[in-house]
């Protein structure tokens, strides 16, 4: 329900910045020796509520990163951000990775580690308290963080879904 309507189809007018989350070197042993291959997980975002991730695999690092960026541009999602933070607490899981994020007051900064930090900064969150529990695998952390972000809803969305006014949302 949450992620279906938030996909962005046309990304031509967006100025996306890419962040490299992790590079993995894979070795394949053949009769002729070792063959190295690289996989790169990349997060792109416009730092204003749009984020996407991609995985690129190639024989060279730069090519893998470029492929990851192209893949990331194909699955962008829109995320509600209110005053530089998330609208409410959110918990999400993907594989063995579990992430928790909580809104923070202005000036707190991005209190998150590794892969979560890259995603949150790419989407434009400036103040958040976040914790990753379980697996620290960057692939699953990125996916869990983006899943948590797509499940976020702002007050206007909730009012629209319930068919009530904004006052009714806040006053019960």
C-alpha atoms as a PDB file:
ATOM      1  CA  UNK A   1       0.000   0.000   0.000  1.00  0.00           C
ATOM      2  CA  UNK A   2       2.611   2.540   1.040  1.00  0.00           C
ATOM      3  CA  UNK A   3       5.201   2.247  -1.715  1.00  0.00           C
ATOM      4  CA  UNK A   4       2.958   1.877  -4.754  1.00  0.00           C
ATOM      5  CA  UNK A   5       1.870   5.473  -5.225  1.00  0.00           C
ATOM      6  CA  UNK A   6       5.171   7.091  -4.262  1.00  0.00           C
ATOM      7  CA  UNK A   7       7.228   5.925  -7.253  1.00  0.00           C
ATOM      8  CA  UNK A   8       8.564   8.673  -9.485  1.00  0.00           C
ATOM      9  CA  UNK A   9       8.259   7.998 -13.197  1.00  0.00           C
ATOM     10  CA  UNK A  10       9.949  11.013 -14.794  1.00  0.00           C
ATOM     11  CA  UNK A  11      13.320  11.982 -13.341  1.00  0.00           C
ATOM     12  CA  UNK A  12      14.623  14.254 -16.095  1.00  0.00           C
ATOM     13  CA  UNK A  13      14.086  17.511 -14.194  1.00  0.00           C
ATOM     14  CA  UNK A  14      15.617  16.263 -10.923  1.00  0.00           C
ATOM     15  CA  UNK A  15      19.183  17.106  -9.958  1.00  0.00           C
ATOM     16  CA  UNK A  16      20.268  13.887  -8.305  1.00  0.00           C
ATOM     17  CA  UNK A  17      23.427  13.480  -6.242  1.00  0.00           C
ATOM     18  CA  UNK A  18      24.875  10.023  -5.868  1.00  0.00           C
ATOM     19  CA  UNK A  19      26.527   8.505  -2.789  1.00  0.00           C
ATOM     20  CA  UNK A  20      28.533   5.319  -2.777  1.00  0.00           C
ATOM     21  CA  UNK A  21      27.477   3.075   0.103  1.00  0.00           C
ATOM     22  CA  UNK A  22      29.654  -0.006  -0.381  1.00  0.00           C
ATOM     23  CA  UNK A  23      31.954  -1.723  -2.866  1.00  0.00           C
ATOM     24  CA  UNK A  24      32.450  -5.473  -2.817  1.00  0.00           C
ATOM     25  CA  UNK A  25      35.246  -7.291  -4.641  1.00  0.00           C
ATOM     26  CA  UNK A  26      34.370 -10.795  -5.773  1.00  0.00           C
ATOM     27  CA  UNK A  27      37.008 -13.289  -6.911  1.00  0.00           C
ATOM     28  CA  UNK A  28      36.280 -16.093  -9.335  1.00  0.00           C
ATOM     29  CA  UNK A  29      39.026 -18.703  -9.635  1.00  0.00           C
ATOM     30  CA  UNK A  30      39.346 -20.179 -13.105  1.00  0.00           C
ATOM     31  CA  UNK A  31      41.854 -22.403 -14.846  1.00  0.00           C
ATOM     32  CA  UNK A  32      43.702 -19.319 -16.059  1.00  0.00           C
ATOM     33  CA  UNK A  33      43.910 -17.671 -12.617  1.00  0.00           C
ATOM     34  CA  UNK A  34      41.769 -15.295 -10.611  1.00  0.00           C
ATOM     35  CA  UNK A  35      39.143 -13.041 -12.157  1.00  0.00           C
ATOM     36  CA  UNK A  36      38.081 -10.018 -10.099  1.00  0.00           C
ATOM     37  CA  UNK A  37      34.664  -8.441 -10.344  1.00  0.00           C
ATOM     38  CA  UNK A  38      33.200  -5.526  -8.391  1.00  0.00           C
ATOM     39  CA  UNK A  39      29.721  -4.752  -7.136  1.00  0.00           C
ATOM     40  CA  UNK A  40      28.765  -1.286  -5.916  1.00  0.00           C
ATOM     41  CA  UNK A  41      25.637  -0.239  -4.052  1.00  0.00           C
ATOM     42  CA  UNK A  42      24.768   3.397  -4.715  1.00  0.00           C
ATOM     43  CA  UNK A  43      22.109   5.753  -3.337  1.00  0.00           C
ATOM     44  CA  UNK A  44      20.900   8.776  -5.316  1.00  0.00           C
ATOM     45  CA  UNK A  45      18.722  11.623  -4.102  1.00  0.00           C
ATOM     46  CA  UNK A  46      17.926  15.274  -4.659  1.00  0.00           C
ATOM     47  CA  UNK A  47      18.122  16.107  -0.910  1.00  0.00           C
ATOM     48  CA  UNK A  48      14.519  17.297  -1.109  1.00  0.00           C
ATOM     49  CA  UNK A  49      12.399  14.188  -0.548  1.00  0.00           C
ATOM     50  CA  UNK A  50      13.420  11.934  -3.455  1.00  0.00           C
ATOM     51  CA  UNK A  51      15.675   8.890  -3.046  1.00  0.00           C
ATOM     52  CA  UNK A  52      16.542   5.672  -4.865  1.00  0.00           C
ATOM     53  CA  UNK A  53      19.116   2.892  -4.659  1.00  0.00           C
ATOM     54  CA  UNK A  54      20.876   0.748  -7.228  1.00  0.00           C
ATOM     55  CA  UNK A  55      23.342  -2.108  -7.530  1.00  0.00           C
ATOM     56  CA  UNK A  56      25.964  -2.161 -10.259  1.00  0.00           C
ATOM     57  CA  UNK A  57      28.275  -5.037 -11.122  1.00  0.00           C
ATOM     58  CA  UNK A  58      31.247  -4.843 -13.481  1.00  0.00           C
ATOM     59  CA  UNK A  59      34.880  -5.743 -13.986  1.00  0.00           C
ATOM     60  CA  UNK A  60      36.025  -2.255 -12.953  1.00  0.00           C
ATOM     61  CA  UNK A  61      35.018  -0.136  -9.965  1.00  0.00           C
ATOM     62  CA  UNK A  62      34.117   2.993 -11.948  1.00  0.00           C
ATOM     63  CA  UNK A  63      31.903   1.022 -14.339  1.00  0.00           C
ATOM     64  CA  UNK A  64      30.166  -0.712 -11.425  1.00  0.00           C
ATOM     65  CA  UNK A  65      29.457   2.652  -9.778  1.00  0.00           C
ATOM     66  CA  UNK A  66      28.099   4.091 -13.046  1.00  0.00           C
ATOM     67  CA  UNK A  67      25.812   1.081 -13.488  1.00  0.00           C
ATOM     68  CA  UNK A  68      24.648   1.447  -9.885  1.00  0.00           C
ATOM     69  CA  UNK A  69      23.775   5.108 -10.435  1.00  0.00           C
ATOM     70  CA  UNK A  70      21.753   4.252 -13.565  1.00  0.00           C
ATOM     71  CA  UNK A  71      19.907   1.498 -11.676  1.00  0.00           C
ATOM     72  CA  UNK A  72      19.213   3.873  -8.785  1.00  0.00           C
ATOM     73  CA  UNK A  73      17.659   6.463 -11.110  1.00  0.00           C
ATOM     74  CA  UNK A  74      15.150   3.828 -12.244  1.00  0.00           C
ATOM     75  CA  UNK A  75      13.582   3.228  -8.821  1.00  0.00           C
ATOM     76  CA  UNK A  76      13.125   6.628  -7.196  1.00  0.00           C
ATOM     77  CA  UNK A  77      10.559   7.180  -4.447  1.00  0.00           C
ATOM     78  CA  UNK A  78       9.069  10.342  -2.915  1.00  0.00           C
ATOM     79  CA  UNK A  79       9.363  10.719   0.863  1.00  0.00           C
ATOM     80  CA  UNK A  80       7.561  13.254   3.096  1.00  0.00           C
ATOM     81  CA  UNK A  81      10.015  15.411   5.044  1.00  0.00           C
ATOM     82  CA  UNK A  82       8.738  18.016   7.497  1.00  0.00           C
ATOM     83  CA  UNK A  83      11.158  20.703   8.758  1.00  0.00           C
ATOM     84  CA  UNK A  84      14.186  18.543   7.929  1.00  0.00           C
ATOM     85  CA  UNK A  85      13.046  15.491   9.869  1.00  0.00           C
ATOM     86  CA  UNK A  86      10.750  12.496   9.476  1.00  0.00           C
ATOM     87  CA  UNK A  87       7.050  13.021  10.346  1.00  0.00           C
ATOM     88  CA  UNK A  88       6.805  10.171  12.879  1.00  0.00           C
ATOM     89  CA  UNK A  89       8.613   7.137  14.306  1.00  0.00           C
ATOM     90  CA  UNK A  90       9.016   4.257  11.897  1.00  0.00           C
ATOM     91  CA  UNK A  91      10.293   0.691  12.137  1.00  0.00           C
ATOM     92  CA  UNK A  92      11.061  -1.485   9.098  1.00  0.00           C
ATOM     93  CA  UNK A  93      12.762  -4.756   8.270  1.00  0.00           C
ATOM     94  CA  UNK A  94      14.378  -6.160   5.171  1.00  0.00           C
ATOM     95  CA  UNK A  95      16.037  -9.554   5.420  1.00  0.00           C
ATOM     96  CA  UNK A  96      18.052  -9.598   8.637  1.00  0.00           C
ATOM     97  CA  UNK A  97      18.322  -5.825   8.851  1.00  0.00           C
ATOM     98  CA  UNK A  98      15.930  -3.887  11.042  1.00  0.00           C
ATOM     99  CA  UNK A  99      15.910  -0.084  11.182  1.00  0.00           C
ATOM    100  CA  UNK A 100      14.223   2.374  13.517  1.00  0.00           C
ATOM    101  CA  UNK A 101      13.982   6.113  12.930  1.00  0.00           C
ATOM    102  CA  UNK A 102      12.546   8.821  15.099  1.00  0.00           C
ATOM    103  CA  UNK A 103      11.995  12.563  14.498  1.00  0.00           C
ATOM    104  CA  UNK A 104      14.484  14.910  16.129  1.00  0.00           C
ATOM    105  CA  UNK A 105      14.457  18.609  16.972  1.00  0.00           C
ATOM    106  CA  UNK A 106      16.292  21.143  14.819  1.00  0.00           C
ATOM    107  CA  UNK A 107      20.067  21.072  15.375  1.00  0.00           C
ATOM    108  CA  UNK A 108      20.293  17.402  16.320  1.00  0.00           C
ATOM    109  CA  UNK A 109      21.854  16.288  13.044  1.00  0.00           C
ATOM    110  CA  UNK A 110      21.713  12.868  11.423  1.00  0.00           C
ATOM    111  CA  UNK A 111      22.366  10.374  14.208  1.00  0.00           C
ATOM    112  CA  UNK A 112      22.698   7.275  12.057  1.00  0.00           C
ATOM    113  CA  UNK A 113      25.472   4.993  10.931  1.00  0.00           C
ATOM    114  CA  UNK A 114      26.900   3.825   7.650  1.00  0.00           C
ATOM    115  CA  UNK A 115      24.367   2.829   5.032  1.00  0.00           C
ATOM    116  CA  UNK A 116      21.441   4.457   6.860  1.00  0.00           C
ATOM    117  CA  UNK A 117      23.280   7.785   6.988  1.00  0.00           C
ATOM    118  CA  UNK A 118      23.869   7.748   3.216  1.00  0.00           C
ATOM    119  CA  UNK A 119      20.178   7.145   2.502  1.00  0.00           C
ATOM    120  CA  UNK A 120      18.916   9.719   5.019  1.00  0.00           C
ATOM    121  CA  UNK A 121      21.315  12.421   3.801  1.00  0.00           C
ATOM    122  CA  UNK A 122      20.432  11.707   0.156  1.00  0.00           C
ATOM    123  CA  UNK A 123      16.717  12.111   0.850  1.00  0.00           C
ATOM    124  CA  UNK A 124      17.336  15.452   2.598  1.00  0.00           C
ATOM    125  CA  UNK A 125      16.781  14.605   6.256  1.00  0.00           C
ATOM    126  CA  UNK A 126      18.898  16.928   8.413  1.00  0.00           C
ATOM    127  CA  UNK A 127      17.702  15.952  11.912  1.00  0.00           C
ATOM    128  CA  UNK A 128      16.856  12.362  12.835  1.00  0.00           C
ATOM    129  CA  UNK A 129      17.590   9.738  15.461  1.00  0.00           C
ATOM    130  CA  UNK A 130      18.090   6.372  13.768  1.00  0.00           C
ATOM    131  CA  UNK A 131      19.199   2.948  14.880  1.00  0.00           C
ATOM    132  CA  UNK A 132      19.978  -0.155  12.872  1.00  0.00           C
ATOM    133  CA  UNK A 133      19.369  -3.433  14.622  1.00  0.00           C
ATOM    134  CA  UNK A 134      20.182  -6.911  13.426  1.00  0.00           C
ATOM    135  CA  UNK A 135      22.287  -7.378  10.320  1.00  0.00           C
ATOM    136  CA  UNK A 136      24.778  -4.689   9.307  1.00  0.00           C
ATOM    137  CA  UNK A 137      24.809  -5.885   5.684  1.00  0.00           C
ATOM    138  CA  UNK A 138      24.765  -2.625   3.660  1.00  0.00           C
ATOM    139  CA  UNK A 139      22.492  -4.072   0.946  1.00  0.00           C
ATOM    140  CA  UNK A 140      19.750  -5.005   3.404  1.00  0.00           C
ATOM    141  CA  UNK A 141      20.260  -1.831   5.464  1.00  0.00           C
ATOM    142  CA  UNK A 142      19.730   0.400   2.436  1.00  0.00           C
ATOM    143  CA  UNK A 143      16.607  -1.540   1.420  1.00  0.00           C
ATOM    144  CA  UNK A 144      15.189  -1.491   4.969  1.00  0.00           C
ATOM    145  CA  UNK A 145      15.835   2.253   5.311  1.00  0.00           C
ATOM    146  CA  UNK A 146      14.125   3.043   2.002  1.00  0.00           C
ATOM    147  CA  UNK A 147      11.225   0.769   2.970  1.00  0.00           C
ATOM    148  CA  UNK A 148      10.863   2.680   6.254  1.00  0.00           C
ATOM    149  CA  UNK A 149      10.946   6.003   4.393  1.00  0.00           C
ATOM    150  CA  UNK A 150       8.263   4.911   1.907  1.00  0.00           C
ATOM    151  CA  UNK A 151       5.966   3.908   4.774  1.00  0.00           C
ATOM    152  CA  UNK A 152       6.107   7.437   6.239  1.00  0.00           C
ATOM    153  CA  UNK A 153       2.931   9.503   5.897  1.00  0.00           C
ATOM    154  CA  UNK A 154       2.387  13.194   6.555  1.00  0.00           C
ATOM    155  CA  UNK A 155      -0.776  14.720   8.008  1.00  0.00           C
ATOM    156  CA  UNK A 156      -2.104  15.864   4.620  1.00  0.00           C
ATOM    157  CA  UNK A 157      -1.873  12.324   3.226  1.00  0.00           C
ATOM    158  CA  UNK A 158      -3.657  10.864   6.238  1.00  0.00           C
ATOM    159  CA  UNK A 159      -6.444  13.474   5.978  1.00  0.00           C
ATOM    160  CA  UNK A 160      -6.870  12.704   2.276  1.00  0.00           C
ATOM    161  CA  UNK A 161      -6.980   8.933   2.847  1.00  0.00           C
ATOM    162  CA  UNK A 162      -9.544   9.239   5.653  1.00  0.00           C
ATOM    163  CA  UNK A 163     -11.574  11.859   3.816  1.00  0.00           C
ATOM    164  CA  UNK A 164     -11.500  14.339   6.690  1.00  0.00           C
ATOM    165  CA  UNK A 165     -10.094  17.820   7.271  1.00  0.00           C
ATOM    166  CA  UNK A 166      -6.629  18.542   8.656  1.00  0.00           C
ATOM    167  CA  UNK A 167      -8.160  19.795  11.930  1.00  0.00           C
ATOM    168  CA  UNK A 168      -9.907  16.464  12.391  1.00  0.00           C
ATOM    169  CA  UNK A 169      -6.598  14.576  11.987  1.00  0.00           C
ATOM    170  CA  UNK A 170      -4.958  16.458  14.860  1.00  0.00           C
ATOM    171  CA  UNK A 171      -7.968  16.767  17.173  1.00  0.00           C
ATOM    172  CA  UNK A 172      -9.184  13.186  16.841  1.00  0.00           C
END
